[in-house]
Every structure is written in C-alpha cells, then in structure tokens.
Protein backbone atom coordinates (compact mmCIF):
# COMPACT_ATOMS: atom_id res chain seq x y z
CA UNK A 1 -29.43 -64.57 -55.43
CA UNK A 2 -25.80 -63.42 -55.92
CA UNK A 3 -25.46 -61.59 -59.24
CA UNK A 4 -22.53 -59.60 -60.57
CA UNK A 5 -23.01 -55.88 -60.90
CA UNK A 6 -22.54 -53.53 -63.86
CA UNK A 7 -22.74 -49.78 -64.58
CA UNK A 8 -26.54 -49.93 -64.86
CA UNK A 9 -26.86 -50.83 -61.12
CA UNK A 10 -24.74 -48.02 -59.99
CA UNK A 11 -27.35 -45.76 -58.52
CA UNK A 12 -28.98 -48.81 -56.67
CA UNK A 13 -25.52 -49.84 -55.32
CA UNK A 14 -24.41 -46.25 -54.14
CA UNK A 15 -27.95 -45.67 -52.50
CA UNK A 16 -27.38 -48.94 -50.39
CA UNK A 17 -23.80 -47.99 -49.36
CA UNK A 18 -24.58 -44.39 -48.48
CA UNK A 19 -26.40 -45.19 -45.22
CA UNK A 20 -22.95 -45.96 -43.78
CA UNK A 21 -20.42 -43.95 -45.88
CA UNK A 22 -17.37 -44.21 -43.36
CA UNK A 23 -17.98 -48.03 -42.96
CA UNK A 24 -18.03 -48.35 -46.80
CA UNK A 25 -15.16 -45.79 -47.50
CA UNK A 26 -13.05 -48.24 -49.39
CA UNK A 27 -15.97 -49.91 -51.34
CA UNK A 28 -17.46 -46.31 -52.44
CA UNK A 29 -13.75 -45.19 -53.30
CA UNK A 30 -13.03 -48.10 -55.30
CA UNK A 31 -16.44 -47.93 -57.22
CA UNK A 32 -15.99 -44.41 -57.84
CA UNK A 33 -12.43 -44.57 -59.05
CA UNK A 34 -12.45 -47.84 -61.05
CA UNK A 35 -16.07 -48.61 -61.83
CA UNK A 36 -17.31 -51.84 -62.98
CA UNK A 37 -15.59 -52.89 -66.18
CA UNK A 38 -11.94 -53.48 -65.17
CA UNK A 39 -10.04 -56.77 -64.79
CA UNK A 40 -8.86 -56.07 -61.29
CA UNK A 41 -12.15 -55.04 -59.75
CA UNK A 42 -15.62 -56.74 -59.60
CA UNK A 43 -18.62 -56.12 -57.62
CA UNK A 44 -21.42 -58.54 -56.78
CA UNK A 45 -24.74 -58.01 -54.95
CA UNK A 46 -27.05 -60.62 -53.08
CA UNK A 47 -30.67 -59.53 -53.61
CA UNK A 48 -33.95 -60.91 -52.68
CA UNK A 49 -36.94 -61.76 -54.95
CA UNK A 50 -38.15 -58.25 -55.16
CA UNK A 51 -34.72 -57.11 -56.33
CA UNK A 52 -33.68 -55.39 -53.02
CA UNK A 53 -29.90 -55.58 -52.24
CA UNK A 54 -29.11 -57.63 -49.08
CA UNK A 55 -25.38 -57.61 -49.24
CA UNK A 56 -22.31 -56.54 -51.48
CA UNK A 57 -19.11 -58.02 -52.15
CA UNK A 58 -16.30 -56.09 -53.79
CA UNK A 59 -12.89 -57.70 -55.45
CA UNK A 60 -9.99 -55.22 -55.74
CA UNK A 61 -7.29 -57.42 -57.09
CA UNK A 62 -6.73 -60.06 -54.31
CA UNK A 63 -8.62 -58.12 -51.54
CA UNK A 64 -12.27 -58.84 -50.92
CA UNK A 65 -14.63 -56.33 -49.07
CA UNK A 66 -18.03 -57.54 -47.91
CA UNK A 67 -20.88 -55.44 -46.54
CA UNK A 68 -24.33 -55.85 -45.43
CA UNK A 69 -26.72 -54.08 -43.10
CA UNK A 70 -27.40 -57.29 -41.01
CA UNK A 71 -26.87 -60.93 -41.86
CA UNK A 72 -24.90 -61.39 -45.05
CA UNK A 73 -25.02 -64.49 -47.63
CA UNK A 74 -21.67 -65.49 -46.46
CA UNK A 75 -22.07 -69.12 -48.04
CA UNK A 76 -22.93 -67.62 -51.51
CA UNK A 77 -20.21 -64.99 -51.44
CA UNK A 78 -17.77 -67.53 -50.13
CA UNK A 79 -18.03 -69.46 -53.25
CA UNK A 80 -16.75 -66.67 -55.21
CA UNK A 81 -13.78 -66.00 -52.97
CA UNK A 82 -12.74 -69.91 -52.83
CA UNK A 83 -12.49 -69.98 -56.52
CA UNK A 84 -10.12 -67.19 -56.72
CA UNK A 85 -6.56 -68.63 -56.50
CA UNK A 86 -5.09 -64.89 -56.04
CA UNK A 87 -7.32 -64.12 -52.98
CA UNK A 88 -5.17 -62.33 -50.31
CA UNK A 89 -7.58 -60.77 -47.96
CA UNK A 90 -11.05 -60.51 -46.66
CA UNK A 91 -11.41 -57.24 -44.74
CA UNK A 92 -14.59 -55.46 -43.30
CA UNK A 93 -16.56 -54.67 -40.04
CA UNK A 94 -16.00 -57.57 -37.63
CA UNK A 95 -19.73 -58.62 -37.32
CA UNK A 96 -19.67 -59.16 -41.26
CA UNK A 97 -16.30 -60.94 -41.66
CA UNK A 98 -17.12 -63.31 -38.75
CA UNK A 99 -20.09 -64.81 -40.78
CA UNK A 100 -17.45 -66.00 -43.44
CA UNK A 101 -15.57 -68.10 -40.83
CA UNK A 102 -17.64 -71.33 -41.67
CA UNK A 103 -16.83 -71.20 -45.36
CA UNK A 104 -13.43 -69.45 -45.75
CA UNK A 105 -10.26 -70.67 -43.93
CA UNK A 106 -8.10 -67.97 -42.42
CA UNK A 107 -4.52 -68.46 -41.18
CA UNK A 108 -4.50 -64.90 -39.28
CA UNK A 109 -6.65 -62.10 -38.36
CA UNK A 110 -5.86 -58.62 -37.48
CA UNK A 111 -8.44 -56.35 -35.74
CA UNK A 112 -8.12 -52.61 -35.17
CA UNK A 113 -10.62 -50.11 -33.70
CA UNK A 114 -12.81 -48.16 -36.27
CA UNK A 115 -13.98 -44.62 -35.44
CA UNK A 116 -16.04 -42.07 -37.31
CA UNK A 117 -16.49 -38.17 -37.24
CA UNK A 118 -19.69 -36.81 -38.54
CA UNK A 119 -19.56 -33.10 -37.14
CA UNK A 120 -17.20 -30.57 -36.11
CA UNK A 121 -18.88 -29.87 -32.71
CA UNK A 122 -15.78 -30.72 -30.64
CA UNK A 123 -13.27 -29.42 -33.02
CA UNK A 124 -11.44 -26.02 -32.19
CA UNK A 125 -13.18 -23.61 -34.57
CA UNK A 126 -10.66 -20.90 -33.44
CA UNK A 127 -7.47 -23.18 -34.02
CA UNK A 128 -4.60 -21.01 -35.84
CA UNK A 129 -3.97 -22.04 -39.40
CA UNK A 130 -0.89 -19.84 -39.65
CA UNK A 131 1.87 -22.04 -40.97
CA UNK A 132 -0.45 -24.71 -42.07
CA UNK A 133 0.06 -25.67 -45.90
CA UNK A 134 -1.72 -28.04 -48.16
CA UNK A 135 0.68 -30.49 -49.85
CA UNK A 136 1.33 -30.53 -53.54
CA UNK A 137 3.45 -33.07 -55.61
CA UNK A 138 6.47 -30.62 -55.05
CA UNK A 139 6.02 -31.54 -51.08
CA UNK A 140 6.11 -35.39 -51.58
CA UNK A 141 9.85 -35.85 -50.86
CA UNK A 142 9.86 -33.80 -47.60
CA UNK A 143 6.74 -35.59 -46.38
CA UNK A 144 8.27 -38.99 -46.83
CA UNK A 145 11.58 -37.93 -45.11
CA UNK A 146 9.38 -36.94 -42.02
CA UNK A 147 7.56 -40.23 -42.19
CA UNK A 148 10.73 -42.34 -42.30
CA UNK A 149 11.57 -40.75 -38.90
CA UNK A 150 8.60 -41.99 -37.34
CA UNK A 151 9.30 -45.47 -35.65
CA UNK A 152 5.62 -46.38 -35.44
CA UNK A 153 5.11 -46.12 -39.12
CA UNK A 154 5.93 -48.82 -41.64
CA UNK A 155 7.08 -46.97 -44.84
CA UNK A 156 6.67 -49.32 -47.79
CA UNK A 157 8.60 -48.87 -51.17
CA UNK A 158 5.61 -47.70 -52.89
CA UNK A 159 4.99 -44.93 -50.27
CA UNK A 160 6.15 -42.13 -52.61
CA UNK A 161 4.33 -43.41 -55.55
CA UNK A 162 1.12 -43.86 -53.50
CA UNK A 163 1.23 -40.45 -52.12
CA UNK A 164 1.71 -38.75 -55.52
CA UNK A 165 -1.18 -40.75 -56.94
CA UNK A 166 -3.36 -39.51 -54.15
CA UNK A 167 -2.48 -36.12 -54.63
CA UNK A 168 -2.89 -36.21 -58.32
CA UNK A 169 -6.27 -37.82 -58.42
CA UNK A 170 -7.50 -36.06 -55.30
CA UNK A 171 -8.29 -39.26 -53.54
CA UNK A 172 -6.26 -37.90 -50.56
CA UNK A 173 -4.88 -34.63 -49.20
CA UNK A 174 -2.07 -33.77 -46.72
CA UNK A 175 -2.02 -30.67 -44.49
CA UNK A 176 1.55 -29.93 -43.06
CA UNK A 177 3.93 -27.60 -41.15
CA UNK A 178 7.33 -26.53 -41.60
CA UNK A 179 10.18 -25.26 -39.61
CA UNK A 180 12.65 -23.70 -42.20
CA UNK A 181 12.78 -26.27 -45.10
CA UNK A 182 11.92 -29.25 -42.80
CA UNK A 183 8.34 -30.73 -42.49
CA UNK A 184 7.75 -30.96 -38.91
CA UNK A 185 4.23 -32.27 -38.85
CA UNK A 186 1.44 -33.54 -40.91
CA UNK A 187 -1.92 -35.12 -41.33
CA UNK A 188 -3.54 -36.85 -44.42
CA UNK A 189 -6.59 -38.34 -45.81
CA UNK A 190 -6.92 -41.37 -48.13
CA UNK A 191 -9.44 -43.25 -50.02
CA UNK A 192 -11.41 -39.84 -50.46
CA UNK A 193 -14.57 -40.07 -52.32
CA UNK A 194 -17.96 -38.04 -52.51
CA UNK A 195 -19.22 -39.17 -49.18
CA UNK A 196 -16.18 -40.05 -46.97
CA UNK A 197 -12.40 -40.01 -46.28
CA UNK A 198 -10.16 -41.69 -43.97
CA UNK A 199 -7.71 -39.86 -41.62
CA UNK A 200 -4.09 -41.44 -41.88
CA UNK A 201 -0.55 -40.61 -40.98
CA UNK A 202 -0.92 -38.04 -38.39
CA UNK A 203 2.52 -37.41 -36.99
CA UNK A 204 5.09 -34.91 -35.74
CA UNK A 205 8.95 -34.99 -35.80
CA UNK A 206 10.46 -36.84 -32.79
CA UNK A 207 11.97 -33.64 -31.75
CA UNK A 208 8.72 -31.51 -32.28
CA UNK A 209 6.30 -33.74 -30.46
CA UNK A 210 3.78 -32.65 -27.68
CA UNK A 211 3.62 -29.12 -29.16
CA UNK A 212 0.14 -29.52 -30.69
CA UNK A 213 1.37 -29.32 -34.12
CA UNK A 214 0.18 -32.50 -35.46
CA UNK A 215 -3.32 -31.67 -33.82
CA UNK A 216 -3.54 -28.35 -35.56
CA UNK A 217 -2.85 -30.09 -38.79
CA UNK A 218 -5.47 -32.74 -38.29
CA UNK A 219 -8.23 -30.43 -36.85
CA UNK A 220 -7.84 -28.11 -39.91
CA UNK A 221 -8.13 -31.08 -42.25
CA UNK A 222 -11.15 -32.35 -40.43
CA UNK A 223 -12.76 -29.15 -40.53
CA UNK A 224 -12.33 -28.79 -44.48
CA UNK A 225 -13.38 -32.18 -45.14
CA UNK A 226 -16.36 -32.02 -43.11
CA UNK A 227 -17.35 -28.79 -44.74
CA UNK A 228 -17.79 -30.57 -47.81
CA UNK A 229 -20.51 -32.87 -46.32
CA UNK A 230 -18.11 -35.90 -46.13
CA UNK A 231 -18.00 -38.22 -43.14
CA UNK A 232 -14.38 -39.01 -41.54
CA UNK A 233 -13.08 -42.10 -40.28
CA UNK A 234 -9.96 -43.67 -38.95
CA UNK A 235 -8.27 -46.90 -37.43
CA UNK A 236 -6.54 -46.74 -34.18
CA UNK A 237 -4.65 -49.58 -32.22
CA UNK A 238 -5.07 -48.89 -28.61
CA UNK A 239 -7.62 -47.10 -26.23
CA UNK A 240 -4.81 -44.49 -25.19
CA UNK A 241 -4.82 -43.26 -28.97
CA UNK A 242 -8.46 -43.53 -29.11
CA UNK A 243 -9.18 -41.10 -26.25
CA UNK A 244 -7.12 -38.56 -28.21
CA UNK A 245 -9.40 -38.90 -31.36
CA UNK A 246 -12.49 -39.10 -29.19
CA UNK A 247 -11.62 -35.62 -27.73
CA UNK A 248 -11.94 -34.35 -31.33
CA UNK A 249 -15.41 -35.90 -31.56
CA UNK A 250 -14.43 -39.40 -33.26
CA UNK A 251 -16.99 -42.15 -32.04
CA UNK A 252 -16.30 -45.98 -32.18
CA UNK A 253 -18.30 -47.64 -34.66
CA UNK A 254 -17.04 -51.21 -34.44
CA UNK A 255 -13.85 -53.26 -34.97
CA UNK A 256 -12.31 -53.59 -38.37
CA UNK A 257 -11.12 -57.14 -39.17
CA UNK A 258 -8.48 -58.07 -41.79
CA UNK A 259 -8.38 -61.78 -42.55
CA UNK A 260 -5.63 -63.56 -44.40
CA UNK A 261 -5.88 -66.93 -46.04
CA UNK A 262 -4.03 -70.05 -45.12
CA UNK A 263 -1.72 -69.56 -48.38
CA UNK A 264 -0.45 -66.22 -47.25
CA UNK A 265 2.63 -66.06 -45.30
CA UNK A 266 5.01 -63.41 -43.88
CA UNK A 267 5.53 -60.03 -45.53
CA UNK A 268 2.57 -60.89 -47.79
CA UNK A 269 0.19 -60.25 -44.97
CA UNK A 270 0.21 -56.49 -45.64
CA UNK A 271 -2.94 -54.61 -45.83
CA UNK A 272 -4.10 -52.54 -48.61
CA UNK A 273 -4.65 -49.46 -46.05
CA UNK A 274 -2.00 -46.92 -45.30
CA UNK A 275 -0.26 -47.05 -41.85
CA UNK A 276 -2.54 -46.62 -38.89
CA UNK A 277 -2.77 -43.15 -37.26
CA UNK A 278 -0.34 -42.33 -34.67
C-alpha cells in the first residue's frame, strides 16, 4: 500500500535508507534539508500489511527519485508520477528505474557509472596538504573562473548561486589550490548529508594538468569526509575516468539512470546533479 509520509515516520524512513547511504544520497539530503512539509517536496512509501517499508518515492519539484532494496511497486508509484503535469525526470539506480518502463513513458534516458568509497585504505595518508585550502564565500568567483576554462564542464547560469548556497548551508565543500591569485585546481562535494556526500567538479587549469594537483585536492577532501563517518560516491562517464577513481578505492555499485518524459525536449533535459567528475 502506497502512503504519503510525514515527520512522524522520519526515523523509520531514514532507517530504511541508511543501509545504502551512497545510493540514497539525494533522497537523504533532500529529506534532511527540506523535510516533509513543503510544497516542492513530497515522499511516499510502499508498505506491507505489517507496516514494513518496501519502497520509497521522493518528489523534489519535478524530479522523482525511487528506491527499493529489490522489487519496487512501480505500478503504484507510477500512478503518482503520471498525475503530475510538472514531472521532469525519474532518476535512480538502473535496476530500479527500469521497473517503471511498463507504466511511465520515457523519451530519452541518460546513464552513467556510479561508484562508492567507504574507506581510505587506498588513499595516500602522507599526501602533502601544503597549499590546499577550503573554500569560503569569498572564493566563489575564483572557483567559477577556473571551471569556465574546463571544456568538459557545462557551467549553468545558476552555478555561482548553487556554489554559494552549498557553502552557506554546508551541503557542499570545496578544496582548492592557488598559484598567486589564480585558482589552479579544485575538488568539491555536493548533496552532503549526515550519512554521505558526492564528489563533483574535480579539475585542474588546462595549463596545470598532469601535475597531480586535482588528485591532491580530491584525496584531502575524501579523507576529511570519510573521517566524519560518511560514505562518498561519484558519477563517471567512461572506464578511463573510472580507473583513476578505482585507484583511490572507489568501487562500482551500479549504473545511475536519468529518464526524461516525452514532453521534455532540448535544453529542458538537464539533470539536477552538478557536472560529472572530470
């Protein structure tokens, strides 16, 4: 039976999600940041006769995130999605989103590798932290200037606002290095919550690549987040990129699937997530 969730069920919901904190990064972060009583976010659960949760569906604005530990009640949850005229995207682990195909029409699907880091066993414990700084609001413009020079990144009009918001709310942090007054490398987290965080925006200035600068920022960032008891995850596009992350200890946990409805076209088909790690 599908029921809408309120604050009284918070502990039960979080217990269900906490078994896979990296996979449920976005759901956990949205619940912790916005709760159950806003007009732009809603959460439903599918529960059995004993009241045990069998699946979850979260709506953040027009984006839907489903999760289950096995078979999900795709038919029941699809009835909610199909009634929403503002529906923009269904995203989640591929094995989950594929179960919705008989009930929800998709015009386009984008898939990316999804990897998780749970420990620092393969991270360089002796990495030099000299010159590595943690960003504050005063560094936002310099960070954006660097990212605008990275051809692999798509910088949205809201990028500056999003970065400022992440720093203010502590839902993201950025470690960076400078040469003079110029930021030459950085690594960031996004969607940070009490259990997990996602690595994004790992990059170096085009003239400073292959010097290990971005790796130093990323390793320092990973060590600090892991020391807080959080799991880390990231998206990557191709096996070559994946091999770099796997040397640091990241392990594949599946494919992340972003599915766009028939009524979405062109530039509307942007994901909620920040640019993939490069």
